[in-house]
Protein backbone atom coordinates (compact mmCIF):
# COMPACT_ATOMS: atom_id res chain seq x y z
CA UNK A 1 143.74 -151.12 96.46
CA UNK A 2 140.35 -151.90 94.97
CA UNK A 3 137.07 -151.52 96.92
CA UNK A 4 136.63 -155.30 97.23
CA UNK A 5 140.09 -155.60 98.78
CA UNK A 6 139.18 -152.87 101.28
CA UNK A 7 135.97 -154.71 102.18
CA UNK A 8 137.93 -157.92 102.71
CA UNK A 9 140.38 -156.14 105.02
CA UNK A 10 137.61 -154.58 107.06
CA UNK A 11 135.79 -157.89 107.41
CA UNK A 12 139.01 -159.36 108.73
CA UNK A 13 139.20 -156.58 111.34
CA UNK A 14 142.11 -154.68 109.79
CA UNK A 15 141.69 -150.92 110.13
CA UNK A 16 144.29 -148.46 108.88
CA UNK A 17 144.92 -144.98 110.24
CA UNK A 18 144.45 -143.17 106.91
CA UNK A 19 142.55 -143.81 103.68
CA UNK A 20 142.26 -141.91 100.41
CA UNK A 21 139.11 -142.86 98.47
CA UNK A 22 140.04 -141.56 95.04
CA UNK A 23 138.00 -141.79 91.85
CA UNK A 24 135.03 -140.48 89.92
CA UNK A 25 132.41 -143.04 90.97
CA UNK A 26 130.55 -141.55 93.96
CA UNK A 27 128.76 -144.79 94.84
CA UNK A 28 132.06 -146.60 95.37
CA UNK A 29 133.41 -143.71 97.47
CA UNK A 30 130.24 -143.60 99.56
CA UNK A 31 130.18 -147.37 100.11
CA UNK A 32 133.83 -147.43 101.12
CA UNK A 33 133.36 -144.53 103.54
CA UNK A 34 130.30 -146.20 105.09
CA UNK A 35 132.20 -149.44 105.59
CA UNK A 36 135.15 -147.67 107.25
CA UNK A 37 132.82 -145.64 109.43
CA UNK A 38 130.96 -148.78 110.54
CA UNK A 39 134.23 -150.46 111.48
CA UNK A 40 135.65 -147.37 113.23
CA UNK A 41 132.83 -145.93 115.33
CA UNK A 42 130.61 -147.33 118.05
CA UNK A 43 126.88 -146.64 117.61
CA UNK A 44 126.43 -145.10 121.07
CA UNK A 45 129.14 -142.45 120.63
CA UNK A 46 129.19 -142.09 116.84
CA UNK A 47 128.00 -138.48 116.73
CA UNK A 48 130.66 -137.35 119.23
CA UNK A 49 133.54 -138.91 117.34
CA UNK A 50 132.84 -138.09 113.70
CA UNK A 51 134.05 -134.87 112.05
CA UNK A 52 133.23 -133.92 108.46
CA UNK A 53 135.46 -131.26 106.89
CA UNK A 54 134.92 -129.64 103.49
CA UNK A 55 138.05 -128.93 101.48
CA UNK A 56 136.62 -125.67 100.18
CA UNK A 57 136.29 -124.21 103.68
CA UNK A 58 138.87 -126.04 105.82
CA UNK A 59 142.12 -124.39 106.83
CA UNK A 60 145.29 -126.35 107.59
CA UNK A 61 144.93 -125.39 111.25
CA UNK A 62 141.34 -126.71 111.37
CA UNK A 63 142.44 -130.01 109.85
CA UNK A 64 145.24 -130.46 112.38
CA UNK A 65 142.94 -129.49 115.28
CA UNK A 66 140.44 -132.15 114.20
CA UNK A 67 143.15 -134.79 113.95
CA UNK A 68 144.56 -133.96 117.39
CA UNK A 69 141.20 -134.09 119.18
CA UNK A 70 140.86 -137.14 121.41
CA UNK A 71 137.91 -139.54 121.11
CA UNK A 72 135.00 -139.23 123.55
CA UNK A 73 134.05 -142.38 125.47
CA UNK A 74 135.28 -144.50 122.58
CA UNK A 75 138.56 -146.08 121.48
CA UNK A 76 138.57 -144.22 118.13
CA UNK A 77 137.27 -141.21 116.26
CA UNK A 78 136.94 -140.60 112.52
CA UNK A 79 137.81 -137.46 110.56
CA UNK A 80 136.46 -137.19 107.01
CA UNK A 81 137.96 -134.57 104.68
CA UNK A 82 135.98 -134.15 101.46
CA UNK A 83 137.55 -132.86 98.22
CA UNK A 84 140.69 -131.17 99.58
CA UNK A 85 141.51 -129.90 96.11
CA UNK A 86 138.42 -127.66 96.12
CA UNK A 87 140.02 -124.97 98.26
CA UNK A 88 140.15 -122.46 95.34
CA UNK A 89 143.47 -120.69 95.69
CA UNK A 90 144.05 -122.06 99.17
CA UNK A 91 144.44 -125.66 98.04
CA UNK A 92 148.24 -125.77 98.21
CA UNK A 93 148.54 -125.02 101.97
CA UNK A 94 145.76 -127.49 102.80
CA UNK A 95 147.25 -130.21 100.61
CA UNK A 96 150.69 -129.61 102.15
CA UNK A 97 149.15 -129.89 105.61
CA UNK A 98 147.33 -133.05 104.57
CA UNK A 99 150.59 -134.64 103.43
CA UNK A 100 152.11 -133.95 106.83
CA UNK A 101 148.96 -135.08 108.62
CA UNK A 102 148.98 -138.51 107.01
CA UNK A 103 152.53 -139.04 108.25
CA UNK A 104 151.53 -137.80 111.71
CA UNK A 105 148.58 -140.19 112.12
CA UNK A 106 150.42 -143.32 110.97
CA UNK A 107 150.52 -145.88 113.71
CA UNK A 108 147.79 -144.23 115.77
CA UNK A 109 145.05 -146.51 117.01
CA UNK A 110 142.69 -143.81 118.29
CA UNK A 111 142.03 -142.07 114.96
CA UNK A 112 141.06 -142.86 111.38
CA UNK A 113 141.44 -140.21 108.68
CA UNK A 114 139.42 -140.64 105.48
CA UNK A 115 139.88 -138.34 102.49
CA UNK A 116 137.51 -138.55 99.53
CA UNK A 117 138.29 -136.96 96.17
CA UNK A 118 136.88 -137.41 92.68
CA UNK A 119 140.22 -136.42 91.15
CA UNK A 120 143.85 -136.36 92.14
CA UNK A 121 147.16 -136.78 90.32
CA UNK A 122 148.88 -139.83 91.77
CA UNK A 123 152.21 -138.09 91.29
CA UNK A 124 151.28 -135.32 93.71
CA UNK A 125 152.78 -135.37 97.18
CA UNK A 126 149.47 -135.45 99.05
CA UNK A 127 148.30 -138.48 97.07
CA UNK A 128 151.61 -140.30 97.45
CA UNK A 129 151.36 -139.76 101.22
CA UNK A 130 148.69 -142.49 101.29
CA UNK A 131 151.19 -145.23 100.51
CA UNK A 132 151.55 -148.10 102.98
CA UNK A 133 150.73 -148.27 105.84
CA UNK A 134 147.93 -145.94 104.72
CA UNK A 135 145.79 -146.95 101.74
CA UNK A 136 144.64 -145.46 98.47
CA UNK A 137 141.35 -147.03 97.36
CA UNK A 138 140.59 -146.68 93.63
CA UNK A 139 136.93 -145.70 93.21
CA UNK A 140 136.70 -145.42 89.43
CA UNK A 141 133.61 -146.32 87.37
CA UNK A 142 133.71 -149.64 85.51
CA UNK A 143 135.61 -149.41 82.25
CA UNK A 144 134.38 -151.99 79.82
CA UNK A 145 131.70 -154.65 79.75
CA UNK A 146 133.28 -157.26 82.05
CA UNK A 147 133.66 -155.07 85.18
CA UNK A 148 130.18 -153.60 84.65
CA UNK A 149 128.64 -157.09 84.52
CA UNK A 150 130.66 -158.04 87.60
CA UNK A 151 129.18 -155.07 89.47
CA UNK A 152 125.62 -156.08 88.52
CA UNK A 153 126.19 -159.65 89.70
CA UNK A 154 127.90 -158.55 92.93
CA UNK A 155 125.14 -156.03 93.66
CA UNK A 156 122.44 -158.65 93.07
CA UNK A 157 124.27 -161.00 95.43
CA UNK A 158 124.53 -158.22 98.02
CA UNK A 159 120.77 -157.78 97.83
CA UNK A 160 120.24 -161.52 98.29
CA UNK A 161 119.24 -162.21 94.69
CA UNK A 162 120.18 -164.74 92.07
CA UNK A 163 120.03 -163.91 88.36
CA UNK A 164 118.65 -165.79 85.40
CA UNK A 165 121.22 -166.16 82.64
CA UNK A 166 121.46 -162.96 80.63
CA UNK A 167 119.81 -160.69 83.22
CA UNK A 168 123.08 -158.95 84.11
CA UNK A 169 123.57 -158.15 80.44
CA UNK A 170 120.07 -156.67 80.21
CA UNK A 171 120.73 -154.35 83.14
CA UNK A 172 124.09 -153.30 81.71
CA UNK A 173 122.70 -152.59 78.26
CA UNK A 174 119.70 -150.62 79.53
CA UNK A 175 121.45 -148.49 82.12
CA UNK A 176 125.19 -148.54 81.43
CA UNK A 177 127.86 -147.64 84.02
CA UNK A 178 125.53 -145.63 86.26
CA UNK A 179 126.15 -147.61 89.43
CA UNK A 180 123.69 -145.85 91.72
CA UNK A 181 120.91 -146.22 89.15
CA UNK A 182 121.82 -149.89 88.68
CA UNK A 183 121.55 -150.44 92.43
CA UNK A 184 118.13 -148.78 92.51
CA UNK A 185 116.82 -150.70 89.50
CA UNK A 186 117.99 -154.06 90.87
CA UNK A 187 116.15 -153.27 94.11
CA UNK A 188 112.99 -152.38 92.15
CA UNK A 189 113.13 -155.59 90.14
CA UNK A 190 113.61 -157.56 93.37
CA UNK A 191 110.07 -156.62 94.42
CA UNK A 192 108.79 -158.75 91.55
CA UNK A 193 111.15 -161.63 92.34
CA UNK A 194 109.79 -162.34 95.84
CA UNK A 195 109.63 -164.87 97.38
CA UNK A 196 111.97 -166.85 95.11
CA UNK A 197 114.53 -164.00 95.09
CA UNK A 198 115.57 -164.88 91.54
CA UNK A 199 115.52 -162.11 88.96
CA UNK A 200 114.21 -163.12 85.55
CA UNK A 201 114.33 -161.19 82.30
CA UNK A 202 110.59 -160.56 82.60
CA UNK A 203 111.14 -158.86 85.98
CA UNK A 204 113.68 -156.48 84.46
CA UNK A 205 111.47 -155.73 81.47
CA UNK A 206 108.54 -154.88 83.74
CA UNK A 207 110.36 -152.84 86.36
CA UNK A 208 113.62 -151.35 85.12
CA UNK A 209 113.63 -147.83 83.73
CA UNK A 210 113.36 -148.30 80.00
CA UNK A 211 114.38 -145.59 77.64
CA UNK A 212 116.25 -148.08 75.51
CA UNK A 213 113.37 -148.85 73.16
CA UNK A 214 110.76 -146.55 71.62
CA UNK A 215 111.64 -143.31 73.46
CA UNK A 216 115.38 -143.70 72.95
CA UNK A 217 114.86 -144.57 69.29
CA UNK A 218 112.69 -141.46 68.95
CA UNK A 219 115.49 -139.42 70.48
CA UNK A 220 118.34 -140.98 68.49
CA UNK A 221 116.37 -140.86 65.23
CA UNK A 222 115.83 -137.14 65.76
CA UNK A 223 119.52 -136.68 66.60
CA UNK A 224 120.73 -138.61 63.59
CA UNK A 225 118.47 -136.70 61.23
CA UNK A 226 119.46 -133.34 62.68
CA UNK A 227 115.94 -132.61 64.01
CA UNK A 228 117.16 -130.74 67.07
CA UNK A 229 113.72 -129.36 67.96
CA UNK A 230 112.16 -132.83 67.96
CA UNK A 231 115.11 -134.22 69.93
CA UNK A 232 114.64 -131.55 72.61
CA UNK A 233 110.91 -132.31 72.74
CA UNK A 234 111.56 -136.04 73.30
CA UNK A 235 114.17 -135.22 75.95
CA UNK A 236 111.69 -132.98 77.75
CA UNK A 237 109.07 -135.73 77.67
CA UNK A 238 111.51 -138.21 79.21
CA UNK A 239 112.51 -135.83 82.00
CA UNK A 240 108.92 -134.84 82.75
CA UNK A 241 107.98 -138.51 83.05
CA UNK A 242 110.48 -138.82 85.89
CA UNK A 243 113.40 -140.45 84.07
CA UNK A 244 116.57 -139.39 85.95
CA UNK A 245 119.11 -137.37 83.96
CA UNK A 246 121.91 -139.94 84.55
CA UNK A 247 119.70 -142.67 83.08
CA UNK A 248 119.03 -140.63 79.93
CA UNK A 249 122.73 -139.97 79.58
CA UNK A 250 123.62 -143.61 80.24
CA UNK A 251 121.21 -144.74 77.53
CA UNK A 252 122.67 -142.24 75.06
CA UNK A 253 126.18 -143.41 75.93
CA UNK A 254 125.22 -147.06 75.46
CA UNK A 255 123.48 -146.31 72.17
CA UNK A 256 126.38 -144.37 70.69
CA UNK A 257 128.87 -147.01 71.84
CA UNK A 258 126.79 -149.59 69.95
CA UNK A 259 126.71 -147.35 66.89
CA UNK A 260 130.50 -147.03 66.98
CA UNK A 261 130.86 -150.80 67.35
CA UNK A 262 128.58 -151.45 64.39
CA UNK A 263 130.15 -148.65 62.30
CA UNK A 264 133.61 -150.15 62.97
CA UNK A 265 132.53 -153.59 61.77
CA UNK A 266 131.85 -155.12 65.17
CA UNK A 267 128.81 -157.05 66.35
CA UNK A 268 126.16 -156.25 68.93
CA UNK A 269 124.26 -158.83 70.95
CA UNK A 270 120.66 -157.75 70.33
CA UNK A 271 117.48 -158.76 68.58
CA UNK A 272 117.72 -158.74 64.74
CA UNK A 273 115.43 -155.71 64.37
CA UNK A 274 117.57 -153.79 66.85
CA UNK A 275 120.75 -154.66 64.94
CA UNK A 276 119.11 -153.50 61.70
CA UNK A 277 118.12 -150.24 63.35
CA UNK A 278 121.67 -149.71 64.63
CA UNK A 279 123.16 -150.44 61.22
CA UNK A 280 120.80 -147.95 59.58
CA UNK A 281 121.62 -145.24 62.11
CA UNK A 282 125.33 -146.03 62.03
CA UNK A 283 125.48 -145.22 58.31
CA UNK A 284 124.52 -141.64 59.12
CA UNK A 285 127.80 -141.04 60.98
CA UNK A 286 131.51 -141.27 60.33
CA UNK A 287 133.64 -143.09 62.89
CA UNK A 288 135.35 -139.80 63.78
CA UNK A 289 131.98 -138.14 64.40
CA UNK A 290 130.86 -140.96 66.68
CA UNK A 291 134.05 -140.65 68.72
CA UNK A 292 133.41 -136.91 69.03
CA UNK A 293 129.86 -137.56 70.19
CA UNK A 294 131.09 -140.00 72.85
CA UNK A 295 133.53 -137.34 74.07
CA UNK A 296 130.64 -134.87 74.35
CA UNK A 297 128.65 -137.45 76.33
CA UNK A 298 131.60 -137.92 78.68
CA UNK A 299 131.84 -134.15 79.21
CA UNK A 300 128.12 -134.05 80.04
CA UNK A 301 128.64 -136.85 82.55
CA UNK A 302 131.16 -134.60 84.29
CA UNK A 303 128.59 -131.79 84.32
CA UNK A 304 125.93 -134.06 85.86
CA UNK A 305 128.38 -134.84 88.64
CA UNK A 306 128.55 -131.15 89.52
CA UNK A 307 131.58 -130.01 87.54
CA UNK A 308 130.81 -126.94 85.47
CA UNK A 309 127.90 -125.39 87.31
CA UNK A 310 125.15 -126.21 84.79
CA UNK A 311 121.83 -127.66 86.01
CA UNK A 312 121.53 -131.30 84.87
CA UNK A 313 118.57 -130.68 82.54
CA UNK A 314 120.37 -127.79 80.83
CA UNK A 315 123.54 -129.87 80.45
CA UNK A 316 121.49 -132.57 78.69
CA UNK A 317 119.81 -130.00 76.44
CA UNK A 318 123.19 -128.67 75.36
CA UNK A 319 124.35 -132.21 74.67
CA UNK A 320 121.29 -132.97 72.54
CA UNK A 321 121.89 -129.82 70.50
CA UNK A 322 125.52 -130.86 70.03
CA UNK A 323 124.62 -134.42 68.99
CA UNK A 324 122.07 -133.18 66.45
CA UNK A 325 124.47 -130.76 64.78
CA UNK A 326 125.60 -131.78 61.25
């Protein structure tokens, strides 16, 4: 099930006893959890009937105790188990208990179990336990241009905005598949669109975080020419100016994807001077090297999401050093 299908079910009043929100996009997981929580709990008794359990510290017995607790002054309660695979050596017993728990709660009307996980093999027993009548909701980041543009348009509509033709493309090119940042930048641009509530290109150019022009060219020029010291200096300037690490990474990802497209003979929708700049930079790399750089960017994205233990700024510094290596 996709997040939009879940939202449609909830609007229709359909509430299942168990959900697995699985995927690497935290914004989609958070939105889905919020929607389920809103449908499940009553405002007056919400705090009494909501349990949050961390996979790294939850025992099988604690999970079952939470699921068998009755709601207080409310028809339902909600139990949220976060990242059950994080139990470090104790994951197997918890995951086995979770598989049994999903079967146990099926058909219950007084409880909703929600499990959120960035990763999970769909062949594993605990993941397969969320088959009908439970639900597995895929919360993966957009893959490709079309779903990313669809997110921008849907998010603008959610915020009560209409878009001038081409505005969705501008957001996507500047920020890339960083959904939380996209949501924040659309909201910022909306301040300029009042009272008409229509976003124009000029609104985006004035308000959206922009490291896609001079600063990003300074950074990518330094990377392409192997000037690692200069590249680190530009990165530091961007971070000190308040540019979020995911936005820097998203801009690098978008830039190197464009370079690969141009280097492979494809076209890029951009101003002529931008295309010329991309073509000049693209000649500095082989196609294989660009693919390797995109893999390094993906690995850094994982680090920014908390996998690997490196602080975000240090993860970006290591990436910049890697991208500037000959």
